[in-house]
Amino acid sequence: RPCDAHGTFLPPGSAPEPPLEKMPDDWTPFRNHTKFETAEFFFIENQTPAAQINRLLDLWASTLVKHDDRPLFADHRDLYKTINNIPVGDVKWESFSAHYTGERPDIPPPWMDQTFDVWYRDPHQVVWNMLGNPDYIEEFDYRPYREFSTDGNVQQWKDFMLGDWAWDQADLIATDPETHGSMFVPVILGSDKTTVSVATGNNEYYPLYASIGNVRNNVRRAHREALAIVGFLAIPKSKYLHSFFLNFLPFR
């Protein structure tokens, strides 16, 4: 059943809500057009390194002291934070750090003293963006279904929502009156052995991918934003001697 953005059911055949129009002078989250242009120059056009951004902003600030004013950005972190808060486009990246907190031997291996960064994007928001992508309107399955050949009445298997598992899950959802009219959205997660090396040190990650079962396989294979990276999982390293510690394997 069609519904609005808050899940309230609408009459059958209701058209989708039109996207909200922005005012021509709305540069959110940038304070004004100049701040947007400055960020675009640093980040897109010139691809300025962080250290040089800081240097330029410091020089800019020195010219504004006598006017009791300050530059548009405090430093490169302020610039990046503003860019990440842009409400359109890709979901912003966030991170947290993790380290070992279990039992330690008298001489702990190096990995027990190291901190590992995990980068991620809100998977709920990533899936929400996929569901709202109008490019999939003709290649999107709103419900599980079964397809049979005209020759021999043989069941066909191609897309995710053609599978028996998706059909069974829809049956389970239908047993709860509170979910009647809801759409089943299976989330598919995967990773591979490709590592992303960042400069030097221990910065290697496993990329974590997400997709939804509602889009058809040809869309996912074409990488039309139906397959998204939602995280980079840190890979703790250890010398061969320590790699078989019982507490290292579950931590990794």
Protein backbone atom coordinates (compact mmCIF):
# COMPACT_ATOMS: atom_id res chain seq x y z
CA ARG A 1 0.00 0.00 0.00
CA PRO A 2 1.28 3.51 -0.73
CA CYS A 3 2.25 5.57 2.29
CA ASP A 4 3.91 8.88 3.10
CA ALA A 5 7.39 9.40 4.54
CA HIS A 6 6.05 8.74 8.06
CA GLY A 7 4.41 5.41 7.19
CA THR A 8 0.84 6.73 7.11
CA PHE A 9 -1.18 4.82 4.52
CA LEU A 10 -2.54 6.77 1.57
CA PRO A 11 -5.47 5.97 -0.74
CA PRO A 12 -4.69 3.42 -3.48
CA GLY A 13 -3.12 4.98 -6.54
CA SER A 14 -1.77 8.02 -4.69
CA ALA A 15 1.15 9.70 -6.44
CA PRO A 16 4.50 10.01 -4.63
CA GLU A 17 5.08 13.18 -2.68
CA PRO A 18 7.03 15.75 -4.73
CA PRO A 19 10.55 16.53 -3.48
CA LEU A 20 10.90 19.62 -1.33
CA GLU A 21 12.11 22.65 -3.24
CA LYS A 22 15.05 24.56 -1.80
CA MET A 23 15.28 28.32 -1.83
CA PRO A 24 17.88 29.63 -4.31
CA ASP A 25 19.84 31.24 -1.47
CA ASP A 26 19.84 28.12 0.74
CA TRP A 27 23.43 26.85 0.91
CA THR A 28 22.94 24.59 3.94
CA PRO A 29 25.15 23.60 5.73
CA PHE A 30 27.30 26.44 4.35
CA ARG A 31 26.57 29.90 5.71
CA ASN A 32 26.60 31.50 2.27
CA HIS A 33 27.62 31.07 -1.34
CA THR A 34 31.19 32.22 -0.69
CA LYS A 35 31.71 29.55 1.96
CA PHE A 36 30.40 26.92 -0.45
CA GLU A 37 32.70 28.12 -3.24
CA THR A 38 35.68 28.08 -0.87
CA ALA A 39 34.97 24.49 0.15
CA GLU A 40 34.51 23.47 -3.48
CA PHE A 41 37.83 25.04 -4.42
CA PHE A 42 39.76 23.38 -1.58
CA PHE A 43 38.14 19.95 -1.81
CA ILE A 44 37.15 19.48 -5.46
CA GLU A 45 39.01 21.83 -7.77
CA ASN A 46 42.42 22.03 -6.11
CA GLN A 47 42.24 18.91 -3.89
CA THR A 48 44.31 20.82 -1.37
CA PRO A 49 46.15 18.73 1.26
CA ALA A 50 45.05 19.25 4.86
CA ALA A 51 48.33 20.88 5.92
CA GLN A 52 48.09 23.43 3.10
CA ILE A 53 44.45 24.16 3.95
CA ASN A 54 45.51 24.95 7.51
CA ARG A 55 48.36 27.15 6.29
CA LEU A 56 46.14 29.16 3.96
CA LEU A 57 43.45 29.60 6.60
CA ASP A 58 46.05 30.78 9.12
CA LEU A 59 47.32 33.38 6.63
CA TRP A 60 43.75 34.43 5.91
CA ALA A 61 43.04 34.75 9.64
CA SER A 62 46.09 36.98 10.12
CA THR A 63 44.64 39.52 7.69
CA LEU A 64 41.30 39.59 9.51
CA VAL A 65 42.53 40.13 13.06
CA LYS A 66 42.45 43.93 12.72
CA HIS A 67 38.82 43.68 11.61
CA ASP A 68 37.91 41.44 14.56
CA ASP A 69 36.84 38.81 12.06
CA ARG A 70 37.84 35.27 11.16
CA PRO A 71 38.04 33.12 8.00
CA LEU A 72 35.17 30.98 6.75
CA PHE A 73 36.71 27.80 8.20
CA ALA A 74 38.81 27.35 11.33
CA ASP A 75 40.96 24.56 9.88
CA HIS A 76 40.76 21.51 7.62
CA ARG A 77 38.71 19.59 10.21
CA ASP A 78 36.08 22.33 10.23
CA LEU A 79 36.02 22.22 6.42
CA TYR A 80 35.64 18.43 6.28
CA LYS A 81 32.97 18.43 8.99
CA THR A 82 30.91 20.97 7.05
CA ILE A 83 31.21 18.96 3.84
CA ASN A 84 30.16 15.78 5.67
CA ASN A 85 27.04 17.56 6.95
CA ILE A 86 25.72 18.28 3.45
CA PRO A 87 22.16 16.84 3.59
CA VAL A 88 22.15 15.63 -0.03
CA GLY A 89 24.31 13.09 -1.80
CA ASP A 90 26.13 10.23 -0.13
CA VAL A 91 25.70 9.37 3.54
CA LYS A 92 28.52 10.86 5.59
CA TRP A 93 31.32 8.72 6.97
CA GLU A 94 31.85 8.30 10.69
CA SER A 95 34.39 6.37 12.72
CA PHE A 96 35.16 4.88 16.09
CA SER A 97 38.24 3.30 17.62
CA ALA A 98 38.61 -0.08 19.26
CA HIS A 99 41.35 -1.79 21.23
CA TYR A 100 41.87 -5.03 23.09
CA THR A 101 40.55 -5.06 26.68
CA GLY A 102 40.91 -8.71 27.64
CA GLU A 103 43.49 -10.62 29.63
CA ARG A 104 47.12 -9.78 28.91
CA PRO A 105 50.26 -11.92 29.25
CA ASP A 106 53.35 -10.60 31.01
CA ILE A 107 54.84 -9.61 27.66
CA PRO A 108 51.87 -8.65 25.47
CA PRO A 109 52.17 -8.83 21.68
CA PRO A 110 52.07 -5.45 19.88
CA TRP A 111 48.46 -5.77 18.69
CA MET A 112 47.20 -5.68 22.29
CA ASP A 113 48.52 -2.12 22.67
CA GLN A 114 47.33 -0.82 19.32
CA THR A 115 44.17 1.13 18.50
CA PHE A 116 42.18 0.27 15.39
CA ASP A 117 39.88 2.63 13.50
CA VAL A 118 36.59 1.42 12.05
CA TRP A 119 34.94 3.64 9.43
CA TYR A 120 31.26 3.30 8.64
CA ARG A 121 28.17 4.95 7.20
CA ASP A 122 24.71 4.68 8.72
CA PRO A 123 23.36 1.55 6.95
CA HIS A 124 19.77 2.58 7.63
CA GLN A 125 20.31 5.84 5.76
CA VAL A 126 22.16 4.06 2.93
CA VAL A 127 19.22 1.67 2.47
CA TRP A 128 16.77 4.57 2.71
CA ASN A 129 18.59 6.28 -0.16
CA MET A 130 18.40 3.11 -2.25
CA LEU A 131 14.66 2.83 -1.65
CA GLY A 132 14.17 6.44 -2.70
CA ASN A 133 16.20 6.21 -5.91
CA PRO A 134 13.82 6.86 -8.85
CA ASP A 135 16.22 5.15 -11.26
CA TYR A 136 15.01 1.76 -10.01
CA ILE A 137 11.30 2.33 -10.59
CA GLU A 138 11.11 -0.19 -13.45
CA GLU A 139 13.61 -2.63 -11.93
CA PHE A 140 12.39 -2.92 -8.36
CA ASP A 141 10.31 -5.66 -6.72
CA TYR A 142 7.96 -4.44 -3.99
CA ARG A 143 6.94 -7.94 -2.95
CA PRO A 144 8.20 -11.53 -3.34
CA TYR A 145 6.73 -13.45 -6.24
CA ARG A 146 7.11 -16.75 -8.05
CA GLU A 147 7.63 -17.18 -11.75
CA PHE A 148 7.14 -20.35 -13.77
CA SER A 149 8.07 -21.24 -17.32
CA THR A 150 5.38 -21.78 -19.92
CA ASP A 151 7.18 -24.96 -20.96
CA GLY A 152 6.80 -27.55 -18.22
CA ASN A 153 5.70 -25.13 -15.50
CA VAL A 154 9.23 -25.07 -14.03
CA GLN A 155 9.92 -22.48 -11.34
CA GLN A 156 12.35 -19.77 -12.45
CA TRP A 157 15.20 -18.43 -10.31
CA LYS A 158 16.83 -15.13 -11.15
CA ASP A 159 16.32 -12.21 -8.78
CA PHE A 160 16.37 -12.22 -4.98
CA MET A 161 12.63 -11.75 -4.53
CA LEU A 162 11.97 -14.84 -6.65
CA GLY A 163 13.49 -17.05 -3.95
CA ASP A 164 11.58 -19.20 -1.48
CA TRP A 165 13.27 -17.51 1.50
CA ALA A 166 11.90 -14.09 0.56
CA TRP A 167 8.45 -15.63 0.10
CA ASP A 168 8.63 -17.30 3.53
CA GLN A 169 9.70 -14.05 5.21
CA ALA A 170 6.75 -12.23 3.69
CA ASP A 171 4.45 -14.93 5.10
CA LEU A 172 5.94 -14.37 8.57
CA ILE A 173 5.50 -10.62 8.33
CA ALA A 174 1.88 -11.08 7.25
CA THR A 175 1.05 -12.90 10.51
CA ASP A 176 1.48 -9.63 12.44
CA PRO A 177 -1.48 -7.25 11.87
CA GLU A 178 0.76 -4.32 12.82
CA THR A 179 2.87 -4.90 9.70
CA HIS A 180 0.06 -5.27 7.17
CA GLY A 181 0.81 -3.09 4.17
CA SER A 182 4.52 -2.96 4.96
CA MET A 183 7.19 -3.77 2.41
CA PHE A 184 9.80 -6.45 3.02
CA VAL A 185 13.29 -5.01 2.45
CA PRO A 186 16.00 -7.69 2.77
CA VAL A 187 19.45 -6.22 3.40
CA ILE A 188 22.37 -8.08 1.83
CA LEU A 189 25.82 -7.66 3.36
CA GLY A 190 29.11 -8.90 2.00
CA SER A 191 32.85 -8.43 2.11
CA ASP A 192 35.87 -9.72 0.27
CA LYS A 193 39.57 -10.21 0.76
CA THR A 194 40.51 -7.00 -1.01
CA THR A 195 42.29 -4.75 1.44
CA VAL A 196 42.42 -0.99 1.25
CA SER A 197 45.83 0.21 2.33
CA VAL A 198 46.06 3.77 3.60
CA ALA A 199 49.61 5.14 3.61
CA THR A 200 51.73 3.15 6.06
CA GLY A 201 51.34 1.38 9.36
CA ASN A 202 48.41 -0.79 10.36
CA ASN A 203 45.80 0.94 8.19
CA GLU A 204 44.33 -1.94 6.24
CA TYR A 205 40.63 -2.62 6.03
CA TYR A 206 38.12 -5.08 4.70
CA PRO A 207 35.42 -3.18 2.77
CA LEU A 208 31.87 -4.04 3.87
CA TYR A 209 29.22 -3.82 1.14
CA ALA A 210 25.44 -3.50 1.42
CA SER A 211 22.59 -3.88 -1.02
CA ILE A 212 18.87 -4.63 -0.89
CA GLY A 213 17.10 -7.63 -2.35
CA ASN A 214 14.35 -5.56 -3.94
CA VAL A 215 16.50 -4.29 -6.81
CA ARG A 216 17.02 -6.74 -9.62
CA ASN A 217 20.34 -8.38 -10.29
CA ASN A 218 21.08 -6.46 -13.48
CA VAL A 219 20.92 -3.19 -11.50
CA ARG A 220 23.24 -4.49 -8.79
CA ARG A 221 25.77 -5.83 -11.30
CA ALA A 222 25.77 -2.48 -13.10
CA HIS A 223 26.76 -0.74 -9.82
CA ARG A 224 24.00 1.84 -10.23
CA GLU A 225 24.31 2.81 -6.55
CA ALA A 226 22.45 -0.37 -5.60
CA LEU A 227 25.67 -1.71 -4.09
CA ALA A 228 27.25 0.62 -1.55
CA ILE A 229 30.21 0.48 0.80
CA VAL A 230 28.95 0.94 4.35
CA GLY A 231 32.14 0.27 6.27
CA PHE A 232 35.83 -0.42 6.36
CA LEU A 233 36.68 -3.05 8.95
CA ALA A 234 40.12 -2.70 10.48
CA ILE A 235 42.45 -5.69 10.12
CA PRO A 236 44.60 -6.24 13.21
CA LYS A 237 48.05 -7.55 12.34
CA SER A 238 50.29 -9.83 14.30
CA LYS A 239 53.53 -11.67 13.85
CA TYR A 240 53.17 -15.32 12.90
CA LEU A 241 54.27 -16.30 16.40
CA HIS A 242 51.33 -14.44 17.97
CA SER A 243 48.70 -15.01 15.27
CA PHE A 244 47.49 -18.24 16.86
CA PHE A 245 46.80 -16.79 20.30
CA LEU A 246 43.31 -17.87 21.31
CA ASN A 247 42.39 -14.29 22.23
CA PHE A 248 43.74 -12.85 18.96
CA LEU A 249 41.45 -14.81 16.63
CA PRO A 250 38.10 -13.65 18.12
CA PHE A 251 39.40 -10.08 18.50
CA ARG A 252 40.33 -9.99 14.84
